[in-house]
């Protein structure tokens, strides 16, 4: 993010929701968290959550369920991005190339 840029209130709220969902599952993960997960597994898990979201949206009383599913999708997208960058950096490091973030 560019220095001096303000973060939208809706983004601050949503990131807070993401962090709460992540904290709830911290004890289930190992020391490296999601970095040991395979990118394809994360991608497929996101697909499962998209299917869940479709079902949530068809039920008019499931706003809370839909919100949680959106947060799960966002967390998995963040995890996938981090895993891909981490794997890329490992490959580049083995070739003597500087890390990318």
C-alpha atoms as a PDB file:
ATOM      1  CA  UNK A   1       0.000   0.000   0.000  1.00  0.00           C
ATOM      2  CA  UNK A   2       1.217   3.483  -0.776  1.00  0.00           C
ATOM      3  CA  UNK A   3       2.420   5.562   2.208  1.00  0.00           C
ATOM      4  CA  UNK A   4      -0.155   8.081   3.446  1.00  0.00           C
ATOM      5  CA  UNK A   5      -3.034   6.101   1.951  1.00  0.00           C
ATOM      6  CA  UNK A   6      -6.074   5.744   4.202  1.00  0.00           C
ATOM      7  CA  UNK A   7      -7.773   2.396   4.657  1.00  0.00           C
ATOM      8  CA  UNK A   8     -11.527   2.245   4.105  1.00  0.00           C
ATOM      9  CA  UNK A   9     -13.731   1.595   7.131  1.00  0.00           C
ATOM     10  CA  UNK A  10     -15.339  -1.401   5.415  1.00  0.00           C
ATOM     11  CA  UNK A  11     -11.904  -2.921   4.827  1.00  0.00           C
ATOM     12  CA  UNK A  12     -10.869  -2.391   8.450  1.00  0.00           C
ATOM     13  CA  UNK A  13     -14.107  -4.092   9.567  1.00  0.00           C
ATOM     14  CA  UNK A  14     -13.661  -6.992   7.142  1.00  0.00           C
ATOM     15  CA  UNK A  15     -10.020  -7.581   8.076  1.00  0.00           C
ATOM     16  CA  UNK A  16     -11.128  -7.688  11.709  1.00  0.00           C
ATOM     17  CA  UNK A  17     -13.662 -10.384  10.786  1.00  0.00           C
ATOM     18  CA  UNK A  18     -10.950 -12.292   8.925  1.00  0.00           C
ATOM     19  CA  UNK A  19      -8.606 -12.149  11.908  1.00  0.00           C
ATOM     20  CA  UNK A  20     -11.308 -13.423  14.282  1.00  0.00           C
ATOM     21  CA  UNK A  21     -11.931 -16.461  12.040  1.00  0.00           C
ATOM     22  CA  UNK A  22      -8.187 -17.115  11.777  1.00  0.00           C
ATOM     23  CA  UNK A  23      -7.675 -16.848  15.542  1.00  0.00           C
ATOM     24  CA  UNK A  24     -10.472 -19.347  16.133  1.00  0.00           C
ATOM     25  CA  UNK A  25      -8.489 -21.940  14.169  1.00  0.00           C
ATOM     26  CA  UNK A  26      -4.940 -21.066  15.271  1.00  0.00           C
ATOM     27  CA  UNK A  27      -4.692 -23.984  17.680  1.00  0.00           C
ATOM     28  CA  UNK A  28      -5.542 -26.463  14.881  1.00  0.00           C
ATOM     29  CA  UNK A  29      -2.630 -25.346  12.705  1.00  0.00           C
ATOM     30  CA  UNK A  30       0.994 -26.235  13.101  1.00  0.00           C
ATOM     31  CA  UNK A  31       3.841 -23.825  13.680  1.00  0.00           C
ATOM     32  CA  UNK A  32       3.972 -22.726  10.026  1.00  0.00           C
ATOM     33  CA  UNK A  33       0.203 -22.288   9.809  1.00  0.00           C
ATOM     34  CA  UNK A  34      -1.094 -22.486   6.262  1.00  0.00           C
ATOM     35  CA  UNK A  35       2.328 -22.259   4.602  1.00  0.00           C
ATOM     36  CA  UNK A  36       2.475 -26.065   4.501  1.00  0.00           C
ATOM     37  CA  UNK A  37      -0.843 -26.322   2.634  1.00  0.00           C
ATOM     38  CA  UNK A  38      -0.797 -27.149  -1.068  1.00  0.00           C
ATOM     39  CA  UNK A  39      -1.976 -24.278  -3.302  1.00  0.00           C
ATOM     40  CA  UNK A  40      -4.369 -26.538  -5.188  1.00  0.00           C
ATOM     41  CA  UNK A  41      -5.974 -27.693  -1.920  1.00  0.00           C
ATOM     42  CA  UNK A  42      -6.556 -24.060  -0.925  1.00  0.00           C
ATOM     43  CA  UNK A  43      -8.005 -23.311  -4.358  1.00  0.00           C
ATOM     44  CA  UNK A  44     -10.375 -26.280  -4.175  1.00  0.00           C
ATOM     45  CA  UNK A  45     -11.391 -25.328  -0.628  1.00  0.00           C
ATOM     46  CA  UNK A  46     -12.271 -21.853  -1.881  1.00  0.00           C
ATOM     47  CA  UNK A  47     -14.477 -23.499  -4.505  1.00  0.00           C
ATOM     48  CA  UNK A  48     -16.294 -25.433  -1.781  1.00  0.00           C
ATOM     49  CA  UNK A  49     -16.877 -22.188   0.075  1.00  0.00           C
ATOM     50  CA  UNK A  50     -18.169 -20.499  -3.090  1.00  0.00           C
ATOM     51  CA  UNK A  51     -20.718 -23.325  -3.368  1.00  0.00           C
ATOM     52  CA  UNK A  52     -21.645 -22.744   0.285  1.00  0.00           C
ATOM     53  CA  UNK A  53     -22.033 -19.030  -0.378  1.00  0.00           C
ATOM     54  CA  UNK A  54     -24.377 -19.707  -3.293  1.00  0.00           C
ATOM     55  CA  UNK A  55     -26.546 -21.775  -0.945  1.00  0.00           C
ATOM     56  CA  UNK A  56     -26.365 -19.106   1.769  1.00  0.00           C
ATOM     57  CA  UNK A  57     -27.546 -16.446  -0.684  1.00  0.00           C
ATOM     58  CA  UNK A  58     -30.584 -18.526  -1.630  1.00  0.00           C
ATOM     59  CA  UNK A  59     -31.792 -18.466   2.005  1.00  0.00           C
ATOM     60  CA  UNK A  60     -33.009 -14.971   2.892  1.00  0.00           C
ATOM     61  CA  UNK A  61     -32.360 -15.393   6.633  1.00  0.00           C
ATOM     62  CA  UNK A  62     -28.727 -16.469   6.345  1.00  0.00           C
ATOM     63  CA  UNK A  63     -26.913 -13.109   6.286  1.00  0.00           C
ATOM     64  CA  UNK A  64     -24.612 -14.156   9.148  1.00  0.00           C
ATOM     65  CA  UNK A  65     -23.813 -17.471   7.424  1.00  0.00           C
ATOM     66  CA  UNK A  66     -23.117 -15.684   4.142  1.00  0.00           C
ATOM     67  CA  UNK A  67     -20.841 -13.174   5.903  1.00  0.00           C
ATOM     68  CA  UNK A  68     -18.841 -15.979   7.545  1.00  0.00           C
ATOM     69  CA  UNK A  69     -18.518 -17.764   4.228  1.00  0.00           C
ATOM     70  CA  UNK A  70     -17.284 -14.557   2.551  1.00  0.00           C
ATOM     71  CA  UNK A  71     -14.687 -14.227   5.313  1.00  0.00           C
ATOM     72  CA  UNK A  72     -13.600 -17.849   4.812  1.00  0.00           C
ATOM     73  CA  UNK A  73     -13.178 -17.253   1.069  1.00  0.00           C
ATOM     74  CA  UNK A  74     -11.147 -14.095   1.711  1.00  0.00           C
ATOM     75  CA  UNK A  75      -8.939 -15.874   4.246  1.00  0.00           C
ATOM     76  CA  UNK A  76      -8.314 -18.735   1.842  1.00  0.00           C
ATOM     77  CA  UNK A  77      -7.473 -16.272  -0.953  1.00  0.00           C
ATOM     78  CA  UNK A  78      -4.998 -14.548   1.389  1.00  0.00           C
ATOM     79  CA  UNK A  79      -3.515 -17.913   2.387  1.00  0.00           C
ATOM     80  CA  UNK A  80      -3.216 -18.980  -1.246  1.00  0.00           C
ATOM     81  CA  UNK A  81      -1.465 -15.746  -2.182  1.00  0.00           C
ATOM     82  CA  UNK A  82       0.960 -16.105   0.731  1.00  0.00           C
ATOM     83  CA  UNK A  83       1.694 -19.752  -0.091  1.00  0.00           C
ATOM     84  CA  UNK A  84       2.330 -18.905  -3.761  1.00  0.00           C
ATOM     85  CA  UNK A  85       4.658 -16.003  -2.891  1.00  0.00           C
ATOM     86  CA  UNK A  86       6.441 -18.147  -0.300  1.00  0.00           C
ATOM     87  CA  UNK A  87       6.973 -20.977  -2.777  1.00  0.00           C
ATOM     88  CA  UNK A  88       8.108 -18.521  -5.454  1.00  0.00           C
ATOM     89  CA  UNK A  89      10.585 -16.933  -3.033  1.00  0.00           C
ATOM     90  CA  UNK A  90      11.977 -20.361  -2.105  1.00  0.00           C
ATOM     91  CA  UNK A  91      12.521 -21.178  -5.785  1.00  0.00           C
ATOM     92  CA  UNK A  92      14.170 -17.821  -6.441  1.00  0.00           C
ATOM     93  CA  UNK A  93      16.325 -18.076  -3.311  1.00  0.00           C
ATOM     94  CA  UNK A  94      17.637 -21.433  -4.526  1.00  0.00           C
ATOM     95  CA  UNK A  95      18.641 -19.624  -7.737  1.00  0.00           C
ATOM     96  CA  UNK A  96      20.239 -16.724  -5.829  1.00  0.00           C
ATOM     97  CA  UNK A  97      17.500 -14.203  -6.718  1.00  0.00           C
ATOM     98  CA  UNK A  98      16.241 -11.620  -4.172  1.00  0.00           C
ATOM     99  CA  UNK A  99      12.873 -12.306  -2.474  1.00  0.00           C
ATOM    100  CA  UNK A 100       9.641 -10.717  -3.618  1.00  0.00           C
ATOM    101  CA  UNK A 101       6.851  -9.705  -1.233  1.00  0.00           C
END
